[in-house]
Amino acid sequence: MNEERLMASIEDLATKCNETPEHGVTRISWTKMDLKAHLWLEKEFSRIGIPVWTDGAGNVHALYRGKTKEPRLIIGSHLDTVRNGGKYDGTYGMLAALEVLRSFKEERFQPDRNIEFIAFAEEEGSNFGTTCLGSKLITGVVSPEKLKDLKNEETNAWEMLEEFGMHPENLVNEQINAQDVFAFLEVHVEQGKLLEQKKYAIGIVTAISGMLLHRVVFKGHSAHAASKMEGRRDPLVCFVECHQALQKAHQDNVLPEGSSFTVGKIACYPGIGNVVPNECAFCFDVRHYEVPLLAKSWEICEKIIRDTAKKNNIEVEITPLSASGGVKMAEIAQNAFKEAAQNLGYEFMELPSGPAHDAAAMANVVPAGLLFVPSKDGISHSPDEYTAPEDLAKGARVYEEAIRKLATITEN
């Protein structure tokens, strides 16, 4: 493991493949900057003689050949960022996987199993609101045909992929066959404060929280700003009342314990300062570690949304955008991480993950494991995102040793 090279790669990708170098890192899937990052990866893999290809979803693959045709090990994380995000989210795990293969090549280590690298596309859901889309498509969680139904204000996902030079029609033949995969391993920054607070450099994830994301549109009636306040059908007023009701439901313990919800995106239309809006659209994210309680949380929230709309004489339209997580990490992966940490002399803690990750989609079809390193102050999706180099290095070392272990076939 060449730790200095790993750190240099993180800086290099953040510098060379970034739309907003003065304001964090912006690398949205299926854009010119994303393509530039693809070329960056191709160049890095060509240096060590490993073939690279891109599937119909824009996921970048590489294959490090082992000695046998036994089920392969898959490693990696995502290549994309949110707008004005940090340089570690996704990128660290993806480049740690690259560095593992570089190191194996240099030491002439040939594993028993083939090791497949994947840099996943559209994990952040920046284009259409559906998170982990690249991993969901190749695991069959999302059907390729569903891409035609995922729309933004300009196009749908199928057409955007075609414009990017991808072939989404090939995805039906590119999905993962579970029988051909031994396990999937991912390393990621925590995006929370627990490891930092507890003073651990290594976190071994036990489960990933379930998440449901919906687009909600309150529909009222436009009017001039000079119109009387009485009698207005203002969808923004409805939104404010709805959000207050949701907060009260949480405070009064109406929602199942451990639930969380977020409105992270909101827009009014027509979006003119002197016009009462006729629509208020927002994304509503609800989470819980237990899938049945996640469903209960959404049921309660949806009732509050609909009841508030009815009370205010506002129409409401609710569209599902994404569902992720609600999965446990495989014992074989957790044990590999634990053994690696112990062998390296690192203390670790076990913890659940609130954010969804590609490991959640992969866990639907193959045994999956997720390793965390600390995030300073829990900050993520921000230019202020930071993890100390020594913690990045420790995580990469544990990751490398776990990969080496699972890629080696041992007699029971």
Protein backbone atom coordinates (compact mmCIF):
# COMPACT_ATOMS: atom_id res chain seq x y z
CA MET A 1 0.00 0.00 0.00
CA ASN A 2 1.58 3.24 -1.18
CA GLU A 3 -0.19 5.72 1.09
CA GLU A 4 1.47 8.80 -0.39
CA ARG A 5 0.31 7.78 -3.85
CA LEU A 6 -3.24 7.30 -2.56
CA MET A 7 -3.28 10.80 -1.05
CA ALA A 8 -1.79 12.24 -4.24
CA SER A 9 -4.50 10.52 -6.31
CA ILE A 10 -7.24 12.03 -4.16
CA GLU A 11 -5.77 15.50 -4.70
CA ASP A 12 -5.15 14.90 -8.40
CA LEU A 13 -8.71 13.78 -9.16
CA ALA A 14 -10.16 16.66 -7.10
CA THR A 15 -8.01 19.10 -9.08
CA LYS A 16 -8.23 17.75 -12.62
CA CYS A 17 -11.81 16.42 -12.67
CA ASN A 18 -13.77 19.14 -10.93
CA GLU A 19 -16.23 21.72 -12.28
CA THR A 20 -15.93 24.01 -9.24
CA PRO A 21 -12.29 24.07 -8.07
CA GLU A 22 -12.88 27.25 -6.03
CA HIS A 23 -15.99 25.88 -4.33
CA GLY A 24 -15.45 22.26 -3.35
CA VAL A 25 -15.66 19.36 -5.79
CA THR A 26 -18.38 18.99 -8.41
CA ARG A 27 -18.35 15.89 -10.58
CA ILE A 28 -21.88 14.94 -11.60
CA SER A 29 -22.47 11.62 -13.37
CA TRP A 30 -22.94 11.66 -17.14
CA THR A 31 -21.31 15.02 -17.74
CA LYS A 32 -18.13 16.18 -19.47
CA MET A 33 -16.33 16.22 -16.13
CA ASP A 34 -17.45 12.68 -15.42
CA LEU A 35 -16.08 11.61 -18.80
CA LYS A 36 -12.80 13.32 -17.94
CA ALA A 37 -12.68 11.25 -14.74
CA HIS A 38 -13.32 8.08 -16.78
CA LEU A 39 -10.30 8.92 -18.92
CA TRP A 40 -8.26 9.61 -15.77
CA LEU A 41 -9.10 6.13 -14.47
CA GLU A 42 -8.36 4.49 -17.81
CA LYS A 43 -4.93 6.09 -17.81
CA GLU A 44 -4.19 4.93 -14.27
CA PHE A 45 -5.21 1.35 -15.00
CA SER A 46 -3.31 1.29 -18.29
CA ARG A 47 -0.14 2.01 -16.32
CA ILE A 48 -0.49 -1.33 -14.55
CA GLY A 49 -1.83 -3.23 -17.53
CA ILE A 50 -5.38 -3.83 -16.29
CA PRO A 51 -8.22 -3.70 -18.85
CA VAL A 52 -11.03 -1.19 -18.30
CA TRP A 53 -14.57 -0.99 -19.66
CA THR A 54 -17.74 1.01 -19.03
CA ASP A 55 -21.22 -0.51 -18.80
CA GLY A 56 -24.53 0.90 -19.99
CA ALA A 57 -25.05 2.84 -16.75
CA GLY A 58 -21.67 4.58 -16.91
CA ASN A 59 -20.08 2.43 -14.18
CA VAL A 60 -16.34 1.99 -14.82
CA HIS A 61 -15.01 -1.56 -14.42
CA ALA A 62 -11.53 -3.10 -14.31
CA LEU A 63 -10.50 -6.73 -13.79
CA TYR A 64 -7.45 -7.98 -11.90
CA ARG A 65 -7.11 -11.64 -12.82
CA GLY A 66 -6.65 -14.37 -10.25
CA LYS A 67 -5.56 -17.99 -10.51
CA THR A 68 -8.99 -19.63 -10.62
CA LYS A 69 -12.48 -19.23 -12.03
CA GLU A 70 -14.03 -19.28 -8.59
CA PRO A 71 -16.59 -16.52 -7.81
CA ARG A 72 -14.88 -13.14 -7.97
CA LEU A 73 -14.48 -10.42 -5.36
CA ILE A 74 -15.82 -6.94 -6.25
CA ILE A 75 -14.34 -3.78 -4.73
CA GLY A 76 -14.94 -0.06 -5.23
CA SER A 77 -17.14 2.94 -4.49
CA HIS A 78 -18.63 5.83 -6.45
CA LEU A 79 -17.01 8.35 -8.77
CA ASP A 80 -19.61 11.13 -8.65
CA THR A 81 -20.07 13.94 -6.11
CA VAL A 82 -22.85 16.28 -5.13
CA ARG A 83 -22.55 19.84 -6.39
CA ASN A 84 -19.91 21.71 -4.36
CA GLY A 85 -19.17 18.61 -2.32
CA GLY A 86 -15.97 17.30 -0.77
CA LYS A 87 -13.06 15.33 -2.19
CA TYR A 88 -13.44 12.22 -0.01
CA ASP A 89 -17.08 11.10 -0.30
CA GLY A 90 -17.03 8.14 -2.67
CA THR A 91 -13.71 9.18 -4.18
CA TYR A 92 -11.68 7.88 -1.23
CA GLY A 93 -13.20 4.40 -1.42
CA MET A 94 -12.91 4.24 -5.18
CA LEU A 95 -9.26 5.32 -5.13
CA ALA A 96 -8.43 3.05 -2.19
CA ALA A 97 -9.66 0.16 -4.35
CA LEU A 98 -7.46 1.39 -7.20
CA GLU A 99 -4.46 1.65 -4.87
CA VAL A 100 -5.00 -1.90 -3.62
CA LEU A 101 -4.77 -3.20 -7.18
CA ARG A 102 -1.72 -1.03 -7.89
CA SER A 103 -0.02 -2.46 -4.81
CA PHE A 104 -0.95 -6.04 -5.63
CA LYS A 105 0.47 -5.57 -9.11
CA GLU A 106 3.72 -4.13 -7.79
CA GLU A 107 4.25 -6.95 -5.31
CA ARG A 108 3.24 -9.46 -7.99
CA PHE A 109 0.49 -10.84 -5.79
CA GLN A 110 -1.91 -12.99 -7.81
CA PRO A 111 -5.02 -13.80 -5.81
CA ASP A 112 -6.97 -17.01 -6.15
CA ARG A 113 -10.10 -15.10 -7.13
CA ASN A 114 -10.50 -12.50 -9.85
CA ILE A 115 -10.92 -9.03 -8.32
CA GLU A 116 -13.27 -6.67 -10.14
CA PHE A 117 -13.01 -2.93 -9.55
CA ILE A 118 -16.12 -0.77 -10.02
CA ALA A 119 -16.38 3.01 -9.90
CA PHE A 120 -20.13 3.43 -9.60
CA ALA A 121 -22.10 6.16 -11.37
CA GLU A 122 -24.92 8.34 -10.02
CA GLU A 123 -24.62 7.26 -6.38
CA GLU A 124 -25.58 10.74 -5.25
CA GLY A 125 -28.74 10.90 -7.37
CA SER A 126 -27.88 14.41 -8.56
CA ASN A 127 -29.54 14.08 -11.95
CA PHE A 128 -32.90 12.46 -11.18
CA GLY A 129 -33.11 12.09 -7.40
CA THR A 130 -32.60 8.32 -7.41
CA THR A 131 -29.55 7.47 -5.31
CA CYS A 132 -27.14 4.58 -6.00
CA LEU A 133 -28.57 4.29 -9.50
CA GLY A 134 -25.44 2.80 -11.07
CA SER A 135 -25.27 -0.03 -8.53
CA LYS A 136 -29.05 -0.53 -8.54
CA LEU A 137 -29.03 -1.00 -12.31
CA ILE A 138 -26.34 -3.66 -12.39
CA THR A 139 -27.88 -5.54 -9.46
CA GLY A 140 -31.37 -5.48 -10.95
CA VAL A 141 -32.83 -3.45 -8.09
CA VAL A 142 -33.86 -0.95 -10.78
CA SER A 143 -34.90 -2.23 -14.20
CA PRO A 144 -33.14 -0.60 -17.19
CA GLU A 145 -36.57 0.27 -18.61
CA LYS A 146 -37.22 2.34 -15.48
CA LEU A 147 -34.61 4.79 -16.81
CA LYS A 148 -37.21 6.09 -19.27
CA ASP A 149 -39.47 7.01 -16.35
CA LEU A 150 -36.79 8.91 -14.42
CA LYS A 151 -37.16 12.49 -15.59
CA ASN A 152 -35.88 15.94 -14.78
CA GLU A 153 -36.89 19.22 -16.39
CA GLU A 154 -34.82 18.53 -19.51
CA THR A 155 -34.75 14.82 -20.30
CA ASN A 156 -35.04 11.28 -18.97
CA ALA A 157 -32.24 9.04 -17.68
CA TRP A 158 -32.22 6.74 -20.71
CA GLU A 159 -31.75 9.63 -23.13
CA MET A 160 -29.13 11.29 -20.91
CA LEU A 161 -27.08 8.08 -20.90
CA GLU A 162 -27.31 7.85 -24.68
CA GLU A 163 -26.19 11.47 -25.00
CA PHE A 164 -23.26 10.60 -22.72
CA GLY A 165 -22.25 7.85 -25.16
CA MET A 166 -23.49 4.93 -23.07
CA HIS A 167 -25.71 2.06 -24.22
CA PRO A 168 -28.41 1.49 -21.60
CA GLU A 169 -29.98 -1.20 -23.78
CA ASN A 170 -26.96 -3.38 -22.92
CA LEU A 171 -27.70 -3.31 -19.19
CA VAL A 172 -29.98 -6.37 -19.36
CA ASN A 173 -26.89 -8.43 -20.22
CA GLU A 174 -24.54 -6.60 -17.84
CA GLN A 175 -26.27 -7.25 -14.55
CA ILE A 176 -24.42 -9.13 -11.83
CA ASN A 177 -25.00 -12.86 -11.57
CA ALA A 178 -24.92 -13.55 -7.83
CA GLN A 179 -23.49 -17.05 -8.36
CA ASP A 180 -20.37 -15.52 -9.93
CA VAL A 181 -19.59 -13.15 -7.01
CA PHE A 182 -18.08 -14.14 -3.66
CA ALA A 183 -18.49 -10.74 -1.95
CA PHE A 184 -18.39 -6.97 -2.35
CA LEU A 185 -16.25 -4.69 -0.15
CA GLU A 186 -16.44 -0.89 0.10
CA VAL A 187 -14.61 1.67 2.24
CA HIS A 188 -16.10 5.14 2.77
CA VAL A 189 -15.84 8.19 5.00
CA GLU A 190 -18.42 7.95 7.78
CA GLN A 191 -20.39 11.17 7.08
CA GLY A 192 -21.22 11.27 10.76
CA LYS A 193 -19.55 12.05 14.11
CA LEU A 194 -19.59 8.71 15.91
CA LEU A 195 -16.08 7.48 15.10
CA GLU A 196 -14.58 10.87 15.86
CA GLN A 197 -16.49 11.18 19.13
CA LYS A 198 -15.56 7.67 20.25
CA LYS A 199 -11.96 8.16 19.03
CA TYR A 200 -11.82 5.19 16.67
CA ALA A 201 -10.06 5.29 13.31
CA ILE A 202 -11.89 2.23 12.00
CA GLY A 203 -15.63 1.55 11.88
CA ILE A 204 -17.12 -1.75 10.73
CA VAL A 205 -20.67 -1.29 9.51
CA THR A 206 -23.25 -3.79 10.71
CA ALA A 207 -26.27 -2.52 8.75
CA ILE A 208 -27.32 0.30 6.42
CA SER A 209 -30.41 2.32 7.24
CA GLY A 210 -33.41 2.06 4.98
CA MET A 211 -34.32 5.20 3.02
CA LEU A 212 -37.36 6.27 1.01
CA LEU A 213 -37.27 9.39 -1.15
CA HIS A 214 -40.38 10.97 -2.67
CA ARG A 215 -41.12 14.09 -4.69
CA VAL A 216 -44.11 15.92 -3.29
CA VAL A 217 -45.93 18.66 -5.19
CA PHE A 218 -48.53 20.89 -3.53
CA LYS A 219 -50.72 22.47 -6.23
CA GLY A 220 -52.66 25.64 -5.56
CA HIS A 221 -53.56 28.72 -7.58
CA SER A 222 -51.39 31.61 -8.80
CA ALA A 223 -52.43 35.16 -8.04
CA HIS A 224 -50.94 38.65 -8.11
CA ALA A 225 -48.99 39.64 -5.01
CA ALA A 226 -51.51 42.45 -4.47
CA SER A 227 -54.42 40.01 -4.17
CA LYS A 228 -56.17 39.72 -0.80
CA MET A 229 -54.60 37.31 1.66
CA GLU A 230 -58.00 35.82 2.41
CA GLY A 231 -59.04 33.08 0.01
CA ARG A 232 -55.61 32.41 -1.45
CA ARG A 233 -54.66 28.83 -2.32
CA ASP A 234 -50.96 29.23 -1.63
CA PRO A 235 -49.07 25.91 -1.76
CA LEU A 236 -46.09 27.40 0.08
CA VAL A 237 -48.27 28.19 3.10
CA CYS A 238 -49.42 24.56 2.94
CA PHE A 239 -45.81 23.41 2.90
CA VAL A 240 -44.90 25.47 5.97
CA GLU A 241 -47.86 24.12 7.92
CA CYS A 242 -47.06 20.58 6.77
CA HIS A 243 -43.44 20.79 7.84
CA GLN A 244 -44.47 22.11 11.26
CA ALA A 245 -46.91 19.21 11.63
CA LEU A 246 -44.18 16.71 10.72
CA GLN A 247 -41.81 18.25 13.26
CA LYS A 248 -44.51 18.05 15.93
CA ALA A 249 -45.11 14.38 15.08
CA HIS A 250 -41.45 13.75 15.76
CA GLN A 251 -41.44 15.77 18.99
CA ASP A 252 -44.57 14.00 20.25
CA ASN A 253 -43.08 10.54 19.46
CA VAL A 254 -45.80 9.81 16.90
CA LEU A 255 -43.13 8.51 14.52
CA PRO A 256 -41.33 5.25 15.40
CA GLU A 257 -38.26 5.82 17.55
CA GLY A 258 -35.16 6.18 15.40
CA SER A 259 -37.00 7.72 12.45
CA SER A 260 -35.65 10.74 10.64
CA PHE A 261 -36.96 12.85 7.78
CA THR A 262 -35.51 15.63 5.67
CA VAL A 263 -36.65 18.21 3.15
CA GLY A 264 -33.43 19.02 1.32
CA LYS A 265 -34.78 20.47 -1.90
CA ILE A 266 -37.71 22.82 -2.41
CA ALA A 267 -38.89 25.04 -5.26
CA CYS A 268 -41.87 27.24 -5.99
CA TYR A 269 -43.35 27.82 -9.44
CA PRO A 270 -43.52 30.00 -11.42
CA GLY A 271 -40.80 31.40 -9.15
CA ILE A 272 -41.60 35.09 -9.60
CA GLY A 273 -41.22 37.49 -6.68
CA ASN A 274 -44.57 39.25 -7.12
CA VAL A 275 -46.69 36.17 -7.92
CA VAL A 276 -48.36 33.79 -5.48
CA PRO A 277 -47.00 30.37 -6.55
CA ASN A 278 -49.27 27.74 -8.01
CA GLU A 279 -46.94 24.89 -7.09
CA CYS A 280 -44.56 24.05 -4.28
CA ALA A 281 -42.41 20.99 -5.02
CA PHE A 282 -40.04 19.36 -2.56
CA CYS A 283 -38.13 16.13 -2.00
CA PHE A 284 -38.99 14.24 1.16
CA ASP A 285 -36.46 11.75 2.59
CA VAL A 286 -37.45 9.42 5.44
CA ARG A 287 -35.13 6.87 7.09
CA HIS A 288 -35.07 4.06 9.63
CA TYR A 289 -32.75 1.11 10.24
CA GLU A 290 -35.66 -1.36 10.39
CA VAL A 291 -37.54 -1.85 7.12
CA PRO A 292 -40.99 -2.42 8.75
CA LEU A 293 -40.56 0.73 10.87
CA LEU A 294 -39.41 2.64 7.79
CA ALA A 295 -42.69 1.74 6.10
CA LYS A 296 -44.60 2.83 9.22
CA SER A 297 -42.69 6.13 9.34
CA TRP A 298 -43.57 6.91 5.74
CA GLU A 299 -47.19 5.90 6.27
CA ILE A 300 -47.51 8.44 9.11
CA CYS A 301 -45.66 11.17 7.18
CA GLU A 302 -47.72 10.62 4.04
CA LYS A 303 -50.96 10.94 6.03
CA ILE A 304 -49.76 14.25 7.51
CA ILE A 305 -48.84 15.52 4.03
CA ARG A 306 -52.22 14.57 2.54
CA ASP A 307 -54.25 15.78 5.53
CA THR A 308 -52.50 19.17 5.48
CA ALA A 309 -53.15 19.53 1.76
CA LYS A 310 -56.84 18.69 2.20
CA LYS A 311 -57.18 21.19 5.08
CA ASN A 312 -55.71 23.97 2.91
CA ASN A 313 -57.74 23.11 -0.22
CA ILE A 314 -54.50 22.18 -2.01
CA GLU A 315 -54.02 19.29 -4.41
CA VAL A 316 -51.08 16.98 -3.75
CA GLU A 317 -49.05 14.73 -6.02
CA ILE A 318 -46.56 12.23 -4.55
CA THR A 319 -44.03 10.39 -6.72
CA PRO A 320 -41.59 7.74 -5.41
CA LEU A 321 -38.02 8.56 -6.43
CA SER A 322 -35.75 6.15 -4.61
CA ALA A 323 -35.54 3.36 -2.06
CA SER A 324 -32.25 2.17 -0.60
CA GLY A 325 -30.74 0.37 2.33
CA GLY A 326 -32.52 -1.56 5.01
CA VAL A 327 -29.87 -4.29 4.72
CA LYS A 328 -27.42 -6.02 7.03
CA MET A 329 -23.77 -6.36 6.12
CA ALA A 330 -22.51 -9.91 5.61
CA GLU A 331 -20.71 -11.62 8.49
CA ILE A 332 -17.98 -12.87 6.17
CA ALA A 333 -17.15 -9.27 5.23
CA GLN A 334 -17.42 -7.92 8.77
CA ASN A 335 -15.15 -10.70 10.03
CA ALA A 336 -12.59 -10.00 7.31
CA PHE A 337 -12.47 -6.33 8.35
CA LYS A 338 -12.19 -7.26 12.04
CA GLU A 339 -9.35 -9.71 11.43
CA ALA A 340 -7.52 -7.19 9.25
CA ALA A 341 -7.85 -4.44 11.88
CA GLN A 342 -6.69 -6.75 14.66
CA ASN A 343 -3.69 -7.95 12.63
CA LEU A 344 -2.70 -4.32 12.02
CA GLY A 345 -3.15 -3.40 15.68
CA TYR A 346 -6.06 -0.98 15.12
CA GLU A 347 -8.95 -0.69 17.50
CA PHE A 348 -12.35 -0.58 15.82
CA MET A 349 -15.99 -0.16 16.64
CA GLU A 350 -19.09 -1.64 15.08
CA LEU A 351 -21.79 0.79 14.00
CA PRO A 352 -24.76 1.17 11.66
CA SER A 353 -24.74 3.53 8.67
CA GLY A 354 -27.42 6.20 8.39
CA PRO A 355 -26.53 7.22 4.80
CA ALA A 356 -27.15 4.77 1.99
CA HIS A 357 -24.18 3.54 -0.05
CA ASP A 358 -23.56 1.34 -3.08
CA ALA A 359 -22.92 -1.47 -0.59
CA ALA A 360 -26.66 -1.34 0.19
CA ALA A 361 -27.64 -2.05 -3.43
CA MET A 362 -24.96 -4.71 -3.77
CA ALA A 363 -26.12 -6.40 -0.54
CA ASN A 364 -29.42 -7.18 -2.23
CA VAL A 365 -27.70 -9.77 -4.42
CA VAL A 366 -24.26 -10.62 -2.93
CA PRO A 367 -22.60 -10.66 0.51
CA ALA A 368 -21.44 -7.08 1.13
CA GLY A 369 -19.27 -5.28 3.63
CA LEU A 370 -18.74 -1.60 4.40
CA LEU A 371 -15.80 -0.05 6.25
CA PHE A 372 -15.80 3.50 7.67
CA VAL A 373 -13.10 6.02 8.54
CA PRO A 374 -13.86 9.19 10.56
CA SER A 375 -15.28 12.42 9.17
CA LYS A 376 -14.14 15.56 11.00
CA ASP A 377 -17.14 17.11 12.78
CA GLY A 378 -19.35 14.73 10.78
CA ILE A 379 -19.27 17.13 7.82
CA SER A 380 -19.92 15.73 4.36
CA HIS A 381 -21.39 16.91 1.04
CA SER A 382 -19.46 20.11 1.66
CA PRO A 383 -16.13 21.70 0.69
CA ASP A 384 -15.31 21.46 4.42
CA GLU A 385 -15.41 17.65 4.33
CA TYR A 386 -12.16 16.32 5.83
CA THR A 387 -10.59 13.11 7.04
CA ALA A 388 -7.04 13.10 8.41
CA PRO A 389 -4.45 11.42 6.13
CA GLU A 390 -3.47 9.00 8.89
CA ASP A 391 -7.08 7.83 9.19
CA LEU A 392 -7.39 7.49 5.41
CA ALA A 393 -4.21 5.41 5.44
CA LYS A 394 -5.41 3.14 8.26
CA GLY A 395 -8.70 2.51 6.50
CA ALA A 396 -6.91 1.72 3.24
CA ARG A 397 -4.59 -0.74 5.00
CA VAL A 398 -7.51 -2.57 6.62
CA TYR A 399 -9.34 -2.58 3.29
CA GLU A 400 -6.29 -4.04 1.50
CA GLU A 401 -5.83 -6.82 4.04
CA ALA A 402 -9.54 -7.74 3.98
CA ILE A 403 -9.46 -7.88 0.19
CA ARG A 404 -6.35 -10.06 0.28
CA LYS A 405 -8.02 -12.42 2.74
CA LEU A 406 -11.28 -12.81 0.82
CA ALA A 407 -9.49 -13.13 -2.52
CA THR A 408 -7.52 -16.08 -1.14
CA ILE A 409 -9.21 -19.47 -1.14
CA THR A 410 -8.56 -21.45 2.00
CA GLU A 411 -9.48 -25.03 2.89
CA ASN A 412 -12.13 -25.34 5.59
